Amino acid sequence: MKNLEAGLERVYAFASERMKTRYYSRATDHYFKEGDLVWMYNPKRRRGLSPKLQNWEGSYTVVKKLNDVVYRVQRSSNAKPKVIHINRLAPYRATDHSSM
């Protein structure tokens, strides 16, 4: 029984480490610099749009990197800036508008 418990603890520790590694690799997959264009994840429902596609808004411009995972972004020069976690940002490419 003790061998089984020890084995389960090792499996749990291994699985836990893998989950943590995957989470952080996705959380910090992209880094942005001032001036970069990004999509911003905003999960609000809008009529007439596919639920899969309506969650991303853009393009936003990165105004400032506040720390490793928090950025200030702005939709246009006269719009109010937003402070957003990196997990809610994705790189924007000019060709993305047809797919999102």
PDB file of N, CA and C in Angstrom:
ATOM      1  N   MET A   1       0.818  -1.196   0.000  1.00  0.00           N
ATOM      2  CA  MET A   1       0.000   0.000   0.000  1.00  0.00           C
ATOM      3  C   MET A   1       0.868   1.269   0.000  1.00  0.00           C
ATOM      4  N   LYS A   2       1.962   1.220   0.779  1.00  0.00           N
ATOM      5  CA  LYS A   2       2.859   2.384   0.844  1.00  0.00           C
ATOM      6  C   LYS A   2       3.506   2.656  -0.521  1.00  0.00           C
ATOM      7  N   ASN A   3       3.847   1.587  -1.239  1.00  0.00           N
ATOM      8  CA  ASN A   3       4.429   1.756  -2.569  1.00  0.00           C
ATOM      9  C   ASN A   3       3.427   2.405  -3.523  1.00  0.00           C
ATOM     10  N   LEU A   4       2.191   2.005  -3.414  1.00  0.00           N
ATOM     11  CA  LEU A   4       1.147   2.588  -4.253  1.00  0.00           C
ATOM     12  C   LEU A   4       0.977   4.068  -3.941  1.00  0.00           C
ATOM     13  N   GLU A   5       0.939   4.422  -2.655  1.00  0.00           N
ATOM     14  CA  GLU A   5       0.811   5.837  -2.260  1.00  0.00           C
ATOM     15  C   GLU A   5       1.993   6.646  -2.766  1.00  0.00           C
ATOM     16  N   ALA A   6       3.200   6.111  -2.615  1.00  0.00           N
ATOM     17  CA  ALA A   6       4.398   6.826  -3.083  1.00  0.00           C
ATOM     18  C   ALA A   6       4.345   7.011  -4.598  1.00  0.00           C
ATOM     19  N   GLY A   7       3.905   5.957  -5.300  1.00  0.00           N
ATOM     20  CA  GLY A   7       3.785   6.059  -6.756  1.00  0.00           C
ATOM     21  C   GLY A   7       2.760   7.100  -7.172  1.00  0.00           C
ATOM     22  N   LEU A   8       1.631   7.142  -6.501  1.00  0.00           N
ATOM     23  CA  LEU A   8       0.603   8.134  -6.814  1.00  0.00           C
ATOM     24  C   LEU A   8       1.090   9.551  -6.528  1.00  0.00           C
ATOM     25  N   GLU A   9       1.842   9.714  -5.451  1.00  0.00           N
ATOM     26  CA  GLU A   9       2.395  11.041  -5.141  1.00  0.00           C
ATOM     27  C   GLU A   9       3.354  11.498  -6.240  1.00  0.00           C
ATOM     28  N   ARG A  10       4.189  10.578  -6.746  1.00  0.00           N
ATOM     29  CA  ARG A  10       5.122  10.938  -7.831  1.00  0.00           C
ATOM     30  C   ARG A  10       4.361  11.314  -9.100  1.00  0.00           C
ATOM     31  N   VAL A  11       3.335  10.538  -9.422  1.00  0.00           N
ATOM     32  CA  VAL A  11       2.534  10.827 -10.617  1.00  0.00           C
ATOM     33  C   VAL A  11       1.845  12.181 -10.458  1.00  0.00           C
ATOM     34  N   TYR A  12       1.282  12.446  -9.299  1.00  0.00           N
ATOM     35  CA  TYR A  12       0.611  13.720  -9.051  1.00  0.00           C
ATOM     36  C   TYR A  12       1.598  14.882  -9.167  1.00  0.00           C
ATOM     37  N   ALA A  13       2.780  14.744  -8.576  1.00  0.00           N
ATOM     38  CA  ALA A  13       3.796  15.811  -8.642  1.00  0.00           C
ATOM     39  C   ALA A  13       4.213  16.060 -10.090  1.00  0.00           C
ATOM     40  N   PHE A  14       4.397  14.975 -10.861  1.00  0.00           N
ATOM     41  CA  PHE A  14       4.788  15.106 -12.264  1.00  0.00           C
ATOM     42  C   PHE A  14       3.691  15.816 -13.065  1.00  0.00           C
ATOM     43  N   ALA A  15       2.446  15.375 -12.886  1.00  0.00           N
ATOM     44  CA  ALA A  15       1.322  15.981 -13.613  1.00  0.00           C
ATOM     45  C   ALA A  15       1.167  17.446 -13.233  1.00  0.00           C
ATOM     46  N   SER A  16       1.327  17.751 -11.975  1.00  0.00           N
ATOM     47  CA  SER A  16       1.209  19.128 -11.494  1.00  0.00           C
ATOM     48  C   SER A  16       2.269  20.021 -12.139  1.00  0.00           C
ATOM     49  N   GLU A  17       3.506  19.532 -12.198  1.00  0.00           N
ATOM     50  CA  GLU A  17       4.588  20.305 -12.826  1.00  0.00           C
ATOM     51  C   GLU A  17       4.325  20.518 -14.308  1.00  0.00           C
ATOM     52  N   ARG A  18       3.837  19.492 -15.003  1.00  0.00           N
ATOM     53  CA  ARG A  18       3.532  19.630 -16.430  1.00  0.00           C
ATOM     54  C   ARG A  18       2.435  20.655 -16.658  1.00  0.00           C
ATOM     55  N   MET A  19       1.393  20.628 -15.821  1.00  0.00           N
ATOM     56  CA  MET A  19       0.299  21.592 -15.960  1.00  0.00           C
ATOM     57  C   MET A  19       0.814  23.008 -15.734  1.00  0.00           C
ATOM     58  N   LYS A  20       1.655  23.180 -14.733  1.00  0.00           N
ATOM     59  CA  LYS A  20       2.211  24.498 -14.436  1.00  0.00           C
ATOM     60  C   LYS A  20       3.068  24.993 -15.598  1.00  0.00           C
ATOM     61  N   THR A  21       3.900  24.113 -16.132  1.00  0.00           N
ATOM     62  CA  THR A  21       4.761  24.482 -17.260  1.00  0.00           C
ATOM     63  C   THR A  21       3.927  24.875 -18.475  1.00  0.00           C
ATOM     64  N   ARG A  22       2.892  24.092 -18.787  1.00  0.00           N
ATOM     65  CA  ARG A  22       2.022  24.422 -19.927  1.00  0.00           C
ATOM     66  C   ARG A  22       1.321  25.750 -19.717  1.00  0.00           C
ATOM     67  N   TYR A  23       0.821  25.998 -18.499  1.00  0.00           N
ATOM     68  CA  TYR A  23       0.125  27.251 -18.220  1.00  0.00           C
ATOM     69  C   TYR A  23       1.063  28.425 -18.450  1.00  0.00           C
ATOM     70  N   TYR A  24       2.256  28.376 -17.879  1.00  0.00           N
ATOM     71  CA  TYR A  24       3.157  29.509 -18.005  1.00  0.00           C
ATOM     72  C   TYR A  24       3.690  29.664 -19.419  1.00  0.00           C
ATOM     73  N   SER A  25       3.837  28.570 -20.159  1.00  0.00           N
ATOM     74  CA  SER A  25       4.296  28.720 -21.537  1.00  0.00           C
ATOM     75  C   SER A  25       3.231  29.405 -22.381  1.00  0.00           C
ATOM     76  N   ARG A  26       1.940  29.121 -22.098  1.00  0.00           N
ATOM     77  CA  ARG A  26       0.874  29.801 -22.838  1.00  0.00           C
ATOM     78  C   ARG A  26       0.706  31.232 -22.351  1.00  0.00           C
ATOM     79  N   ALA A  27       0.859  31.452 -21.059  1.00  0.00           N
ATOM     80  CA  ALA A  27       0.646  32.782 -20.492  1.00  0.00           C
ATOM     81  C   ALA A  27       1.695  33.766 -20.989  1.00  0.00           C
ATOM     82  N   THR A  28       2.898  33.278 -21.258  1.00  0.00           N
ATOM     83  CA  THR A  28       3.975  34.173 -21.667  1.00  0.00           C
ATOM     84  C   THR A  28       4.480  33.832 -23.067  1.00  0.00           C
ATOM     85  N   ASP A  29       3.587  33.330 -23.902  1.00  0.00           N
ATOM     86  CA  ASP A  29       3.947  32.933 -25.250  1.00  0.00           C
ATOM     87  C   ASP A  29       4.363  34.127 -26.104  1.00  0.00           C
ATOM     88  N   HIS A  30       3.763  35.279 -25.856  1.00  0.00           N
ATOM     89  CA  HIS A  30       4.053  36.465 -26.645  1.00  0.00           C
ATOM     90  C   HIS A  30       4.507  37.592 -25.731  1.00  0.00           C
ATOM     91  N   TYR A  31       5.422  38.374 -26.243  1.00  0.00           N
ATOM     92  CA  TYR A  31       5.806  39.606 -25.568  1.00  0.00           C
ATOM     93  C   TYR A  31       5.601  40.713 -26.570  1.00  0.00           C
ATOM     94  N   PHE A  32       5.207  41.860 -26.098  1.00  0.00           N
ATOM     95  CA  PHE A  32       4.911  42.970 -26.986  1.00  0.00           C
ATOM     96  C   PHE A  32       5.767  44.162 -26.602  1.00  0.00           C
ATOM     97  N   LYS A  33       5.975  45.045 -27.579  1.00  0.00           N
ATOM     98  CA  LYS A  33       6.696  46.280 -27.301  1.00  0.00           C
ATOM     99  C   LYS A  33       5.822  47.462 -27.707  1.00  0.00           C
ATOM    100  N   GLU A  34       6.179  48.637 -27.244  1.00  0.00           N
ATOM    101  CA  GLU A  34       5.402  49.834 -27.571  1.00  0.00           C
ATOM    102  C   GLU A  34       5.265  49.973 -29.076  1.00  0.00           C
ATOM    103  N   GLY A  35       4.031  50.271 -29.513  1.00  0.00           N
ATOM    104  CA  GLY A  35       3.759  50.432 -30.935  1.00  0.00           C
ATOM    105  C   GLY A  35       3.233  49.177 -31.611  1.00  0.00           C
ATOM    106  N   ASP A  36       3.376  48.005 -30.980  1.00  0.00           N
ATOM    107  CA  ASP A  36       2.857  46.767 -31.565  1.00  0.00           C
ATOM    108  C   ASP A  36       1.334  46.808 -31.636  1.00  0.00           C
ATOM    109  N   LEU A  37       0.782  46.212 -32.692  1.00  0.00           N
ATOM    110  CA  LEU A  37      -0.672  46.068 -32.803  1.00  0.00           C
ATOM    111  C   LEU A  37      -1.075  44.724 -32.218  1.00  0.00           C
ATOM    112  N   VAL A  38      -2.172  44.718 -31.466  1.00  0.00           N
ATOM    113  CA  VAL A  38      -2.631  43.495 -30.807  1.00  0.00           C
ATOM    114  C   VAL A  38      -4.140  43.367 -30.889  1.00  0.00           C
ATOM    115  N   TRP A  39      -4.626  42.130 -30.784  1.00  0.00           N
ATOM    116  CA  TRP A  39      -6.030  41.846 -30.547  1.00  0.00           C
ATOM    117  C   TRP A  39      -6.235  41.844 -29.042  1.00  0.00           C
ATOM    118  N   MET A  40      -7.398  42.273 -28.578  1.00  0.00           N
ATOM    119  CA  MET A  40      -7.724  42.212 -27.158  1.00  0.00           C
ATOM    120  C   MET A  40      -8.928  41.305 -26.968  1.00  0.00           C
ATOM    121  N   TYR A  41      -8.805  40.338 -26.058  1.00  0.00           N
ATOM    122  CA  TYR A  41      -9.899  39.425 -25.748  1.00  0.00           C
ATOM    123  C   TYR A  41     -10.904  40.140 -24.866  1.00  0.00           C
ATOM    124  N   ASN A  42     -12.164  40.187 -25.306  1.00  0.00           N
ATOM    125  CA  ASN A  42     -13.230  40.842 -24.557  1.00  0.00           C
ATOM    126  C   ASN A  42     -14.488  39.984 -24.711  1.00  0.00           C
ATOM    127  N   PRO A  43     -14.737  39.065 -23.757  1.00  0.00           N
ATOM    128  CA  PRO A  43     -15.804  38.072 -23.944  1.00  0.00           C
ATOM    129  C   PRO A  43     -17.210  38.597 -23.682  1.00  0.00           C
ATOM    130  N   LYS A  44     -17.625  39.619 -24.418  1.00  0.00           N
ATOM    131  CA  LYS A  44     -19.016  40.063 -24.293  1.00  0.00           C
ATOM    132  C   LYS A  44     -19.787  39.626 -25.528  1.00  0.00           C
ATOM    133  N   ARG A  45     -21.042  39.319 -25.345  1.00  0.00           N
ATOM    134  CA  ARG A  45     -21.873  38.812 -26.441  1.00  0.00           C
ATOM    135  C   ARG A  45     -22.446  39.968 -27.249  1.00  0.00           C
ATOM    136  N   ARG A  46     -22.406  39.818 -28.574  1.00  0.00           N
ATOM    137  CA  ARG A  46     -23.007  40.808 -29.461  1.00  0.00           C
ATOM    138  C   ARG A  46     -23.912  40.089 -30.436  1.00  0.00           C
ATOM    139  N   ARG A  47     -25.058  40.657 -30.706  1.00  0.00           N
ATOM    140  CA  ARG A  47     -26.008  40.052 -31.652  1.00  0.00           C
ATOM    141  C   ARG A  47     -25.428  40.004 -33.063  1.00  0.00           C
ATOM    142  N   GLY A  48     -25.746  38.932 -33.757  1.00  0.00           N
ATOM    143  CA  GLY A  48     -25.390  38.846 -35.167  1.00  0.00           C
ATOM    144  C   GLY A  48     -23.979  38.391 -35.452  1.00  0.00           C
ATOM    145  N   LEU A  49     -23.170  38.142 -34.434  1.00  0.00           N
ATOM    146  CA  LEU A  49     -21.806  37.684 -34.664  1.00  0.00           C
ATOM    147  C   LEU A  49     -21.623  36.290 -34.088  1.00  0.00           C
ATOM    148  N   SER A  50     -20.803  35.494 -34.737  1.00  0.00           N
ATOM    149  CA  SER A  50     -20.494  34.164 -34.235  1.00  0.00           C
ATOM    150  C   SER A  50     -19.835  34.275 -32.867  1.00  0.00           C
ATOM    151  N   PRO A  51     -20.261  33.495 -31.877  1.00  0.00           N
ATOM    152  CA  PRO A  51     -19.650  33.561 -30.542  1.00  0.00           C
ATOM    153  C   PRO A  51     -18.146  33.322 -30.556  1.00  0.00           C
ATOM    154  N   LYS A  52     -17.655  32.479 -31.477  1.00  0.00           N
ATOM    155  CA  LYS A  52     -16.223  32.221 -31.555  1.00  0.00           C
ATOM    156  C   LYS A  52     -15.441  33.463 -31.982  1.00  0.00           C
ATOM    157  N   LEU A  53     -16.020  34.235 -32.863  1.00  0.00           N
ATOM    158  CA  LEU A  53     -15.291  35.357 -33.449  1.00  0.00           C
ATOM    159  C   LEU A  53     -15.495  36.668 -32.712  1.00  0.00           C
ATOM    160  N   GLN A  54     -16.533  36.787 -31.941  1.00  0.00           N
ATOM    161  CA  GLN A  54     -16.851  38.087 -31.378  1.00  0.00           C
ATOM    162  C   GLN A  54     -16.047  38.438 -30.133  1.00  0.00           C
ATOM    163  N   ASN A  55     -15.247  37.525 -29.626  1.00  0.00           N
ATOM    164  CA  ASN A  55     -14.527  37.781 -28.390  1.00  0.00           C
ATOM    165  C   ASN A  55     -13.240  38.580 -28.559  1.00  0.00           C
ATOM    166  N   TRP A  56     -12.777  38.758 -29.763  1.00  0.00           N
ATOM    167  CA  TRP A  56     -11.520  39.474 -29.998  1.00  0.00           C
ATOM    168  C   TRP A  56     -11.801  40.807 -30.673  1.00  0.00           C
ATOM    169  N   GLU A  57     -11.231  41.870 -30.105  1.00  0.00           N
ATOM    170  CA  GLU A  57     -11.396  43.218 -30.652  1.00  0.00           C
ATOM    171  C   GLU A  57     -10.032  43.735 -31.079  1.00  0.00           C
ATOM    172  N   GLY A  58     -10.022  44.521 -32.127  1.00  0.00           N
ATOM    173  CA  GLY A  58      -8.743  45.096 -32.520  1.00  0.00           C
ATOM    174  C   GLY A  58      -8.889  45.921 -33.766  1.00  0.00           C
ATOM    175  N   SER A  59      -7.883  46.532 -34.112  1.00  0.00           N
ATOM    176  CA  SER A  59      -6.576  46.448 -33.500  1.00  0.00           C
ATOM    177  C   SER A  59      -6.408  47.508 -32.398  1.00  0.00           C
ATOM    178  N   TYR A  60      -5.622  47.129 -31.394  1.00  0.00           N
ATOM    179  CA  TYR A  60      -5.198  48.034 -30.339  1.00  0.00           C
ATOM    180  C   TYR A  60      -3.700  48.228 -30.491  1.00  0.00           C
ATOM    181  N   THR A  61      -3.202  49.357 -30.024  1.00  0.00           N
ATOM    182  CA  THR A  61      -1.775  49.638 -30.048  1.00  0.00           C
ATOM    183  C   THR A  61      -1.235  49.551 -28.630  1.00  0.00           C
ATOM    184  N   VAL A  62      -0.109  48.863 -28.461  1.00  0.00           N
ATOM    185  CA  VAL A  62       0.540  48.811 -27.152  1.00  0.00           C
ATOM    186  C   VAL A  62       1.152  50.186 -26.883  1.00  0.00           C
ATOM    187  N   VAL A  63       0.672  50.824 -25.820  1.00  0.00           N
ATOM    188  CA  VAL A  63       1.161  52.153 -25.443  1.00  0.00           C
ATOM    189  C   VAL A  63       2.370  52.019 -24.523  1.00  0.00           C
ATOM    190  N   LYS A  64       2.272  51.075 -23.569  1.00  0.00           N
ATOM    191  CA  LYS A  64       3.356  50.924 -22.608  1.00  0.00           C
ATOM    192  C   LYS A  64       3.310  49.536 -21.984  1.00  0.00           C
ATOM    193  N   LYS A  65       4.477  48.961 -21.764  1.00  0.00           N
ATOM    194  CA  LYS A  65       4.593  47.709 -21.023  1.00  0.00           C
ATOM    195  C   LYS A  65       4.759  48.089 -19.557  1.00  0.00           C
ATOM    196  N   LEU A  66       3.786  47.760 -18.718  1.00  0.00           N
ATOM    197  CA  LEU A  66       3.827  48.160 -17.312  1.00  0.00           C
ATOM    198  C   LEU A  66       4.669  47.205 -16.476  1.00  0.00           C
ATOM    199  N   ASN A  67       4.635  45.919 -16.793  1.00  0.00           N
ATOM    200  CA  ASN A  67       5.539  44.919 -16.214  1.00  0.00           C
ATOM    201  C   ASN A  67       5.555  43.729 -17.165  1.00  0.00           C
ATOM    202  N   ASP A  68       6.065  42.588 -16.736  1.00  0.00           N
ATOM    203  CA  ASP A  68       6.214  41.451 -17.649  1.00  0.00           C
ATOM    204  C   ASP A  68       4.896  40.941 -18.207  1.00  0.00           C
ATOM    205  N   VAL A  69       3.780  41.130 -17.501  1.00  0.00           N
ATOM    206  CA  VAL A  69       2.517  40.546 -17.947  1.00  0.00           C
ATOM    207  C   VAL A  69       1.366  41.544 -18.061  1.00  0.00           C
ATOM    208  N   VAL A  70       1.614  42.816 -17.818  1.00  0.00           N
ATOM    209  CA  VAL A  70       0.551  43.827 -17.879  1.00  0.00           C
ATOM    210  C   VAL A  70       0.962  44.943 -18.840  1.00  0.00           C
ATOM    211  N   TYR A  71       0.013  45.269 -19.752  1.00  0.00           N
ATOM    212  CA  TYR A  71       0.274  46.279 -20.774  1.00  0.00           C
ATOM    213  C   TYR A  71      -0.831  47.326 -20.775  1.00  0.00           C
ATOM    214  N   ARG A  72      -0.482  48.533 -21.203  1.00  0.00           N
ATOM    215  CA  ARG A  72      -1.488  49.571 -21.465  1.00  0.00           C
ATOM    216  C   ARG A  72      -1.666  49.614 -22.975  1.00  0.00           C
ATOM    217  N   VAL A  73      -2.927  49.457 -23.431  1.00  0.00           N
ATOM    218  CA  VAL A  73      -3.230  49.470 -24.858  1.00  0.00           C
ATOM    219  C   VAL A  73      -4.288  50.530 -25.135  1.00  0.00           C
ATOM    220  N   GLN A  74      -4.348  50.957 -26.396  1.00  0.00           N
ATOM    221  CA  GLN A  74      -5.285  52.016 -26.780  1.00  0.00           C
ATOM    222  C   GLN A  74      -5.797  51.737 -28.187  1.00  0.00           C
ATOM    223  N   ARG A  75      -7.101  51.898 -28.377  1.00  0.00           N
ATOM    224  CA  ARG A  75      -7.729  51.608 -29.682  1.00  0.00           C
ATOM    225  C   ARG A  75      -7.388  52.686 -30.712  1.00  0.00           C
ATOM    226  N   SER A  76      -7.426  53.959 -30.294  1.00  0.00           N
ATOM    227  CA  SER A  76      -7.055  55.074 -31.171  1.00  0.00           C
ATOM    228  C   SER A  76      -6.469  56.175 -30.300  1.00  0.00           C
ATOM    229  N   SER A  77      -5.913  57.186 -30.922  1.00  0.00           N
ATOM    230  CA  SER A  77      -5.225  58.233 -30.156  1.00  0.00           C
ATOM    231  C   SER A  77      -6.158  59.011 -29.229  1.00  0.00           C
ATOM    232  N   ASN A  78      -7.455  59.076 -29.540  1.00  0.00           N
ATOM    233  CA  ASN A  78      -8.374  59.814 -28.667  1.00  0.00           C
ATOM    234  C   ASN A  78      -9.202  58.890 -27.767  1.00  0.00           C
ATOM    235  N   ALA A  79      -8.959  57.568 -27.819  1.00  0.00           N
ATOM    236  CA  ALA A  79      -9.673  56.614 -26.963  1.00  0.00           C
ATOM    237  C   ALA A  79      -8.978  56.502 -25.610  1.00  0.00           C
ATOM    238  N   LYS A  80      -9.751  56.116 -24.597  1.00  0.00           N
ATOM    239  CA  LYS A  80      -9.200  55.935 -23.263  1.00  0.00           C
ATOM    240  C   LYS A  80      -8.325  54.674 -23.237  1.00  0.00           C
ATOM    241  N   PRO A  81      -7.083  54.759 -22.741  1.00  0.00           N
ATOM    242  CA  PRO A  81      -6.224  53.567 -22.666  1.00  0.00           C
ATOM    243  C   PRO A  81      -6.796  52.536 -21.691  1.00  0.00           C
ATOM    244  N   LYS A  82      -6.471  51.257 -21.931  1.00  0.00           N
ATOM    245  CA  LYS A  82      -6.907  50.167 -21.059  1.00  0.00           C
ATOM    246  C   LYS A  82      -5.674  49.431 -20.563  1.00  0.00           C
ATOM    247  N   VAL A  83      -5.721  48.977 -19.325  1.00  0.00           N
ATOM    248  CA  VAL A  83      -4.643  48.173 -18.761  1.00  0.00           C
ATOM    249  C   VAL A  83      -5.100  46.718 -18.817  1.00  0.00           C
ATOM    250  N   ILE A  84      -4.318  45.873 -19.533  1.00  0.00           N
ATOM    251  CA  ILE A  84      -4.738  44.512 -19.861  1.00  0.00           C
ATOM    252  C   ILE A  84      -3.619  43.513 -19.560  1.00  0.00           C
ATOM    253  N   HIS A  85      -3.995  42.353 -19.010  1.00  0.00           N
ATOM    254  CA  HIS A  85      -3.045  41.265 -18.771  1.00  0.00           C
ATOM    255  C   HIS A  85      -2.672  40.619 -20.107  1.00  0.00           C
ATOM    256  N   ILE A  86      -1.461  40.161 -20.219  1.00  0.00           N
ATOM    257  CA  ILE A  86      -0.951  39.580 -21.468  1.00  0.00           C
ATOM    258  C   ILE A  86      -1.796  38.390 -21.954  1.00  0.00           C
ATOM    259  N   ASN A  87      -2.438  37.665 -21.034  1.00  0.00           N
ATOM    260  CA  ASN A  87      -3.270  36.535 -21.440  1.00  0.00           C
ATOM    261  C   ASN A  87      -4.460  36.958 -22.290  1.00  0.00           C
ATOM    262  N   ARG A  88      -4.832  38.243 -22.232  1.00  0.00           N
ATOM    263  CA  ARG A  88      -5.966  38.733 -23.017  1.00  0.00           C
ATOM    264  C   ARG A  88      -5.509  39.445 -24.284  1.00  0.00           C
ATOM    265  N   LEU A  89      -4.243  39.306 -24.661  1.00  0.00           N
ATOM    266  CA  LEU A  89      -3.708  39.939 -25.864  1.00  0.00           C
ATOM    267  C   LEU A  89      -3.158  38.883 -26.814  1.00  0.00           C
ATOM    268  N   ALA A  90      -3.272  39.169 -28.093  1.00  0.00           N
ATOM    269  CA  ALA A  90      -2.712  38.290 -29.124  1.00  0.00           C
ATOM    270  C   ALA A  90      -2.133  39.172 -30.222  1.00  0.00           C
ATOM    271  N   PRO A  91      -1.079  38.713 -30.893  1.00  0.00           N
ATOM    272  CA  PRO A  91      -0.483  39.517 -31.968  1.00  0.00           C
ATOM    273  C   PRO A  91      -1.498  39.777 -33.077  1.00  0.00           C
ATOM    274  N   TYR A  92      -1.461  40.980 -33.620  1.00  0.00           N
ATOM    275  CA  TYR A  92      -2.351  41.376 -34.708  1.00  0.00           C
ATOM    276  C   TYR A  92      -1.537  41.434 -35.987  1.00  0.00           C
ATOM    277  N   ARG A  93      -2.069  40.823 -37.023  1.00  0.00           N
ATOM    278  CA  ARG A  93      -1.446  40.918 -38.348  1.00  0.00           C
ATOM    279  C   ARG A  93      -2.486  41.471 -39.297  1.00  0.00           C
ATOM    280  N   ALA A  94      -2.068  42.192 -40.279  1.00  0.00           N
ATOM    281  CA  ALA A  94      -2.983  42.861 -41.213  1.00  0.00           C
ATOM    282  C   ALA A  94      -3.948  41.876 -41.853  1.00  0.00           C
ATOM    283  N   THR A  95      -3.522  40.641 -42.057  1.00  0.00           N
ATOM    284  CA  THR A  95      -4.390  39.656 -42.705  1.00  0.00           C
ATOM    285  C   THR A  95      -5.379  39.026 -41.746  1.00  0.00           C
ATOM    286  N   ASP A  96      -5.250  39.289 -40.433  1.00  0.00           N
ATOM    287  CA  ASP A  96      -6.130  38.673 -39.431  1.00  0.00           C
ATOM    288  C   ASP A  96      -7.588  39.126 -39.553  1.00  0.00           C
ATOM    289  N   HIS A  97      -7.842  40.310 -40.085  1.00  0.00           N
ATOM    290  CA  HIS A  97      -9.202  40.822 -40.076  1.00  0.00           C
ATOM    291  C   HIS A  97     -10.173  39.911 -40.809  1.00  0.00           C
ATOM    292  N   SER A  98      -9.678  39.133 -41.752  1.00  0.00           N
ATOM    293  CA  SER A  98     -10.596  38.243 -42.474  1.00  0.00           C
ATOM    294  C   SER A  98     -10.876  36.954 -41.709  1.00  0.00           C
ATOM    295  N   SER A  99     -10.015  36.620 -40.718  1.00  0.00           N
ATOM    296  CA  SER A  99     -10.219  35.368 -40.007  1.00  0.00           C
ATOM    297  C   SER A  99     -10.819  35.557 -38.625  1.00  0.00           C
ATOM    298  N   MET A 100     -10.864  36.767 -38.099  1.00  0.00           N
ATOM    299  CA  MET A 100     -11.415  36.966 -36.765  1.00  0.00           C
ATOM    300  C   MET A 100     -12.660  37.760 -36.830  1.00  0.00           C
TER     301      MET A 100
END
